Every structure is written in structure tokens, then in C-alpha cells.
Amino acid sequence: MRLARLEKDGRIFWALGSDDQRTVREIKGSFHEWAPRLTKGEGKSALELSDDFVSVNAVRFLPPVEPVNRVVVAGANYSKHLEEFGVDPVSKPVAFLKAYGALIGANDDIRYPPLTEKLDHEVELVVVIGSDNVDLDNPYDCVLGYTAGNDVSARDLQRNGSPKIGMDLFAAKSQDRTTGLGPWIVTKDEFPNGSPTLKLTLKVNGDVRQDATSGDMTWGVGELIKYVQQISSFRAGDVLFTGSPDGVGDSTGKYIQRGDLIEAEVENIGVLRNRVSD
């Protein structure tokens, strides 16, 4: 199933996408009412749907996460990405929080932040948590599904921190209206059990900058969930970015520029098409 958080005529709602992704039907009730049931495997019977079919061309795709939920980001999760940064392999996962205000929908403009001159792209597989109950022995049981993300980062701000304090990840990755998320949440039953192996691609004005697979992650989805859960408990609706592969602008010198069209795609999930604005 494909789920989306949408806006139409000023009203925000969740919806179920058709198989051909051309229409949606509104889901009645709140996310926290039906998402845990889907996560348990109840399928379409967990949803009460509107009778009306709405064209996807008539709606705006919003980030598929409610404002009350958290955006967790795992970093340093692809060995080649660490190599291009000149960073030694790390012995455990790295995770931090991103501000909700950084998120934009699948077709919204990326705001070019005024404090940076080195804006970078990072295509990522993103996990959507569907349950308040996380079993460390069975971490995939809490997964509702997966979506696509582009963890846009201000690299010069990232390195502005004091040498004795470390990187300033808040300044780098929580800039307002920079991080694409969506368009769909594809439920976990659409994928084989375990951590998905999906093609990750990012293009800038049609030029392929990142081309890899989520199968190259150092720590799989289950391991990341267990690590974060032992620090700060997940709640239904939280999202977890799982890290980005190599090919980022910080290694090539090709940073995002105003006017660029950024297309971040995760196989079998969808494409984020975001234009960089002033």
C-alpha cells in the first residue's frame, strides 16, 4: 500500500494511493488510530476510506510525518561515504535529531539558506515507525513502511563547530525548508523481510550524482532502530533517515546552486523533485 499526507484547498489529510499512483482516497480518522493496526499487519481492513477518488494532480504532497513526531537521522552509515570525507570507520551507529521545520514535500522548493555557501545533497531511505511499542528482539515489528528523503546539508556550517566540540549538525541539517521527504510511505509488506535493498539515485539537473543501494548500509534498519530506541524511545509516526551513500557534493565540489532541480529517488517508493529557490 501507498500512503501519503496531503493538502487540498487548505485542508490536510492522510490518503491511500491507487495502484497506478494517479488517484488517492482520504483515510478517515487520525494517523495514530489506524497506523498501528497497519503496522500489525491488518492490511486495508484497518482503513476507513472516503468514497471519493481524487487526482494526485489536485493535491500537494506534504512530508509524511505529523508535526508532533520526531525526525531522527542516522549518519556515517555507508563506508564509501566516510571514505570520501576522509573519516575512519566508526564502531557504532551515529544518530541525531533534525528540526521538523527543515522538512518540505516531494515537489516543494528547497530554500537556499542565507548562512551557507556549500549546500549539499544526500539521498536516503527513510523508515517510518508505526507503533509506540518497539521490541528490541523484533525491531521490524514496529515499522509501518518506508519513504524517500534528501538530507540537504550546509557543509560549511557543519564544520563551523569548535574543534573541541565537534561538528555543528544542527546548523548543517536543520535549516528551514531544505529537506525533502515523501512522496509516499510504502508499507513494509511490499518488501522482503529485513532491511530493504533498494536502489538510491540522486540527480542534479539530470546529472547523476549519487547511484548506490541501501544494501550497502553498515547497519541495517533493525540495528538502527535498536540503537536509537535504547537512547530515546520511538513513537508511532516518527521517521528515521538511514544515512546516505557516496557521491555527495562535498567530495566532488559540485554543490547545490540556486535554480537547480534536485531529483532524489528510492526504488519502488518514489521521487522527490525539488527546485532550489532563493
Protein backbone atom coordinates (compact mmCIF):
# COMPACT_ATOMS: atom_id res chain seq x y z
CA MET A 1 0.00 0.00 0.00
CA ARG A 2 0.99 3.58 -0.64
CA LEU A 3 0.12 6.21 1.95
CA ALA A 4 0.51 9.97 1.69
CA ARG A 5 -0.05 13.09 3.76
CA LEU A 6 -1.70 15.67 1.52
CA GLU A 7 -3.10 19.18 1.36
CA LYS A 8 -6.06 20.25 -0.75
CA ASP A 9 -7.82 23.60 -0.54
CA GLY A 10 -6.08 24.36 2.75
CA ARG A 11 -7.10 21.06 4.39
CA ILE A 12 -4.51 18.45 5.45
CA PHE A 13 -5.35 14.74 5.43
CA TRP A 14 -3.86 11.25 5.01
CA ALA A 15 -4.78 9.17 1.98
CA LEU A 16 -4.34 5.79 0.33
CA GLY A 17 -2.86 5.85 -3.15
CA SER A 18 -4.18 3.78 -6.03
CA ASP A 19 -2.02 1.08 -7.58
CA ASP A 20 -1.25 3.30 -10.56
CA GLN A 21 -0.47 6.27 -8.25
CA ARG A 22 -2.88 8.51 -10.18
CA THR A 23 -5.60 8.92 -7.55
CA VAL A 24 -5.96 8.89 -3.77
CA ARG A 25 -8.76 8.21 -1.29
CA GLU A 26 -8.86 10.00 2.03
CA ILE A 27 -8.30 7.91 5.16
CA LYS A 28 -10.76 8.73 7.92
CA GLY A 29 -9.51 9.05 11.47
CA SER A 30 -6.12 10.11 12.81
CA PHE A 31 -2.78 8.56 11.92
CA HIS A 32 -2.38 7.27 15.47
CA GLU A 33 -5.67 5.39 15.19
CA TRP A 34 -5.02 3.41 12.01
CA ALA A 35 -1.22 3.31 11.59
CA PRO A 36 -0.58 0.87 14.49
CA ARG A 37 -3.18 -1.50 13.01
CA LEU A 38 -1.47 -1.39 9.62
CA THR A 39 1.86 -1.97 11.31
CA LYS A 40 0.46 -5.10 12.96
CA GLY A 41 -0.44 -6.44 9.54
CA GLU A 42 -4.21 -5.89 9.41
CA GLY A 43 -3.93 -4.57 5.86
CA LYS A 44 -6.55 -2.49 4.11
CA SER A 45 -9.21 -3.59 6.61
CA ALA A 46 -7.55 -1.24 9.12
CA LEU A 47 -8.56 1.76 7.00
CA GLU A 48 -11.89 3.55 6.70
CA LEU A 49 -11.77 5.23 3.32
CA SER A 50 -13.69 8.02 1.64
CA ASP A 51 -15.76 7.06 -1.39
CA ASP A 52 -14.22 9.89 -3.43
CA PHE A 53 -11.23 9.36 -5.71
CA VAL A 54 -9.05 12.48 -6.04
CA SER A 55 -6.42 13.03 -8.73
CA VAL A 56 -2.87 13.37 -7.43
CA ASN A 57 -2.63 16.44 -9.66
CA ALA A 58 -5.21 18.17 -7.47
CA VAL A 59 -3.29 17.77 -4.19
CA ARG A 60 0.01 18.85 -2.67
CA PHE A 61 2.23 16.15 -1.21
CA LEU A 62 3.36 17.07 2.30
CA PRO A 63 6.14 15.42 4.31
CA PRO A 64 4.54 12.16 5.53
CA VAL A 65 5.09 12.87 9.22
CA GLU A 66 2.93 14.80 11.69
CA PRO A 67 4.35 17.94 13.38
CA VAL A 68 4.15 16.20 16.77
CA ASN A 69 6.59 13.49 15.70
CA ARG A 70 10.37 13.36 15.61
CA VAL A 71 12.80 13.31 12.70
CA VAL A 72 15.76 11.08 13.61
CA VAL A 73 18.81 11.00 11.35
CA ALA A 74 21.44 8.26 11.30
CA GLY A 75 24.79 9.25 9.85
CA ALA A 76 28.10 7.62 8.96
CA ASN A 77 26.25 4.53 7.71
CA TYR A 78 27.94 3.96 4.33
CA SER A 79 31.65 3.13 4.25
CA LYS A 80 32.32 4.79 0.88
CA HIS A 81 30.64 7.96 2.13
CA LEU A 82 33.06 8.00 5.09
CA GLU A 83 35.98 7.43 2.72
CA GLU A 84 35.07 10.44 0.59
CA PHE A 85 35.00 12.55 3.77
CA GLY A 86 38.34 11.14 4.89
CA VAL A 87 36.76 9.74 8.06
CA ASP A 88 37.79 6.46 9.67
CA PRO A 89 35.13 3.74 10.09
CA VAL A 90 33.02 4.16 13.22
CA SER A 91 32.36 1.38 15.72
CA LYS A 92 28.69 2.10 16.37
CA PRO A 93 25.79 3.96 14.73
CA VAL A 94 25.61 7.75 14.84
CA ALA A 95 22.24 9.44 15.31
CA PHE A 96 20.85 12.92 15.93
CA LEU A 97 17.64 14.92 15.54
CA LYS A 98 16.58 17.18 12.68
CA ALA A 99 14.16 20.06 13.22
CA TYR A 100 10.67 19.43 11.83
CA GLY A 101 10.77 22.86 10.15
CA ALA A 102 13.52 21.60 7.85
CA LEU A 103 11.07 19.30 6.04
CA ILE A 104 9.40 20.01 2.69
CA GLY A 105 7.10 17.94 0.49
CA ALA A 106 8.00 15.93 -2.59
CA ASN A 107 7.57 18.81 -5.03
CA ASP A 108 8.20 21.86 -2.84
CA ASP A 109 11.07 24.29 -3.36
CA ILE A 110 14.27 23.90 -1.39
CA ARG A 111 15.02 27.16 0.40
CA TYR A 112 18.65 28.19 -0.09
CA PRO A 113 19.74 29.18 3.45
CA PRO A 114 21.37 32.62 3.75
CA LEU A 115 24.20 31.45 6.04
CA THR A 116 25.77 28.84 3.75
CA GLU A 117 27.72 28.77 0.51
CA LYS A 118 28.12 24.98 0.39
CA LEU A 119 24.68 23.35 0.22
CA ASP A 120 24.84 19.61 -0.36
CA HIS A 121 22.50 16.71 -1.20
CA GLU A 122 22.09 13.28 0.43
CA VAL A 123 19.52 10.79 -0.89
CA GLU A 124 18.38 8.36 1.82
CA LEU A 125 16.00 5.53 2.58
CA VAL A 126 13.75 6.66 5.45
CA VAL A 127 11.97 4.36 7.90
CA VAL A 128 8.50 5.25 9.21
CA ILE A 129 7.70 3.92 12.68
CA GLY A 130 4.11 2.75 13.11
CA SER A 131 3.90 1.65 16.73
CA ASP A 132 4.68 3.03 20.18
CA ASN A 133 5.88 -0.42 21.19
CA VAL A 134 9.37 -1.32 20.00
CA ASP A 135 10.59 -4.86 20.68
CA LEU A 136 14.39 -4.92 20.63
CA ASP A 137 14.27 -8.61 19.71
CA ASN A 138 11.95 -7.93 16.76
CA PRO A 139 12.61 -4.32 15.68
CA TYR A 140 10.91 -4.66 12.28
CA ASP A 141 7.58 -5.24 14.02
CA CYS A 142 7.34 -1.50 14.71
CA VAL A 143 7.96 -0.47 11.08
CA LEU A 144 4.95 0.86 9.16
CA GLY A 145 6.89 1.33 5.94
CA TYR A 146 9.50 3.30 4.05
CA THR A 147 9.75 6.62 2.25
CA ALA A 148 12.40 8.69 0.44
CA GLY A 149 14.45 11.54 1.87
CA ASN A 150 17.02 14.10 0.78
CA ASP A 151 19.02 15.17 3.84
CA VAL A 152 20.20 18.52 2.45
CA SER A 153 23.20 19.77 4.45
CA ALA A 154 25.12 23.06 4.78
CA ARG A 155 28.66 21.68 4.78
CA ASP A 156 30.47 24.90 5.72
CA LEU A 157 28.22 25.33 8.74
CA GLN A 158 28.68 21.66 9.63
CA ARG A 159 32.39 22.29 10.18
CA ASN A 160 32.00 25.61 11.99
CA GLY A 161 31.90 23.99 15.42
CA SER A 162 34.76 24.35 17.88
CA PRO A 163 37.47 21.69 17.38
CA LYS A 164 36.88 20.52 20.94
CA ILE A 165 33.10 20.36 20.49
CA GLY A 166 32.80 18.76 17.07
CA MET A 167 30.55 19.23 14.06
CA ASP A 168 27.56 21.56 14.20
CA LEU A 169 24.97 19.13 12.84
CA PHE A 170 22.05 21.31 13.94
CA ALA A 171 23.20 24.24 11.79
CA ALA A 172 24.09 21.91 8.93
CA LYS A 173 20.92 19.86 8.74
CA SER A 174 18.05 21.80 10.38
CA GLN A 175 17.93 24.81 8.08
CA ASP A 176 14.30 25.78 7.41
CA ARG A 177 12.59 24.22 4.38
CA THR A 178 15.50 22.27 2.93
CA THR A 179 14.87 18.55 3.44
CA GLY A 180 12.62 16.68 1.02
CA LEU A 181 10.56 13.77 2.37
CA GLY A 182 7.99 11.60 0.60
CA PRO A 183 6.09 11.37 -1.64
CA TRP A 184 4.69 8.03 -0.43
CA ILE A 185 5.05 5.75 2.54
CA VAL A 186 5.16 2.26 1.05
CA THR A 187 4.12 -0.28 3.69
CA LYS A 188 6.66 -2.89 4.77
CA ASP A 189 4.59 -5.79 3.40
CA GLU A 190 5.62 -4.63 -0.09
CA PHE A 191 9.23 -5.58 0.66
CA PRO A 192 11.07 -8.76 1.69
CA ASN A 193 11.60 -9.21 5.42
CA GLY A 194 14.60 -7.44 6.90
CA SER A 195 16.45 -4.33 5.80
CA PRO A 196 15.39 -3.42 2.22
CA THR A 197 17.93 -3.42 -0.58
CA LEU A 198 16.77 -0.62 -2.85
CA LYS A 199 18.49 1.50 -5.49
CA LEU A 200 19.23 5.07 -4.38
CA THR A 201 19.71 7.72 -7.07
CA LEU A 202 20.15 11.47 -6.96
CA LYS A 203 20.30 13.76 -9.98
CA VAL A 204 21.03 17.47 -10.24
CA ASN A 205 19.62 18.97 -13.45
CA GLY A 206 19.59 15.45 -14.90
CA ASP A 207 23.21 14.70 -13.97
CA VAL A 208 23.54 11.59 -11.79
CA ARG A 209 25.45 12.48 -8.61
CA GLN A 210 24.62 9.53 -6.33
CA ASP A 211 23.98 5.98 -7.51
CA ALA A 212 24.06 3.20 -4.91
CA THR A 213 21.93 0.75 -2.99
CA SER A 214 20.62 0.70 0.57
CA GLY A 215 22.09 -2.80 0.79
CA ASP A 216 25.47 -1.09 1.29
CA MET A 217 24.47 0.29 4.70
CA THR A 218 26.86 -0.60 7.51
CA TRP A 219 23.99 -1.00 9.96
CA GLY A 220 20.64 -2.22 8.66
CA VAL A 221 17.24 -0.82 9.57
CA GLY A 222 16.78 -3.20 12.50
CA GLU A 223 20.14 -2.33 14.02
CA LEU A 224 19.48 1.40 13.72
CA ILE A 225 16.05 1.08 15.35
CA LYS A 226 17.53 -0.88 18.27
CA TYR A 227 20.32 1.65 18.75
CA VAL A 228 18.06 4.71 18.78
CA GLN A 229 15.37 3.03 20.89
CA GLN A 230 17.84 2.39 23.71
CA ILE A 231 18.63 6.11 23.81
CA SER A 232 15.25 7.73 23.19
CA SER A 233 12.03 5.79 22.63
CA PHE A 234 10.32 5.86 19.25
CA ARG A 235 6.64 6.74 18.91
CA ALA A 236 4.25 5.93 16.09
CA GLY A 237 4.80 8.41 13.28
CA ASP A 238 8.49 9.09 13.93
CA VAL A 239 10.77 8.85 10.91
CA LEU A 240 14.34 7.60 10.73
CA PHE A 241 16.76 8.66 7.97
CA THR A 242 19.22 5.78 7.49
CA GLY A 243 22.26 7.54 6.02
CA SER A 244 23.46 8.48 2.55
CA PRO A 245 25.88 6.79 0.14
CA ASP A 246 28.89 8.35 -1.55
CA GLY A 247 28.73 10.93 -4.33
CA VAL A 248 27.81 13.99 -2.30
CA GLY A 249 28.88 17.45 -3.38
CA ASP A 250 31.36 17.80 -0.56
CA SER A 251 33.55 15.18 -2.21
CA THR A 252 33.12 16.32 -5.82
CA GLY A 253 32.97 20.09 -5.24
CA LYS A 254 29.62 20.20 -7.05
CA TYR A 255 27.36 21.87 -4.50
CA ILE A 256 23.68 22.69 -4.96
CA GLN A 257 23.07 26.05 -6.64
CA ARG A 258 20.03 28.31 -6.82
CA GLY A 259 17.78 27.22 -9.66
CA ASP A 260 18.96 23.60 -9.65
CA LEU A 261 16.41 20.79 -9.92
CA ILE A 262 17.21 18.04 -7.42
CA GLU A 263 15.67 14.60 -8.04
CA ALA A 264 16.16 12.07 -5.24
CA GLU A 265 14.74 8.61 -5.91
CA VAL A 266 14.40 5.46 -3.86
CA GLU A 267 13.48 2.40 -5.90
CA ASN A 268 9.84 1.27 -5.61
CA ILE A 269 9.00 4.24 -3.37
CA GLY A 270 9.12 7.41 -5.42
CA VAL A 271 10.95 10.55 -6.48
CA LEU A 272 11.44 13.88 -4.72
CA ARG A 273 11.61 16.69 -7.29
CA ASN A 274 12.66 19.89 -5.55
CA ARG A 275 13.83 23.10 -7.18
CA VAL A 276 16.33 25.22 -5.24
CA SER A 277 14.89 28.71 -4.70
CA ASP A 278 16.26 31.97 -3.30
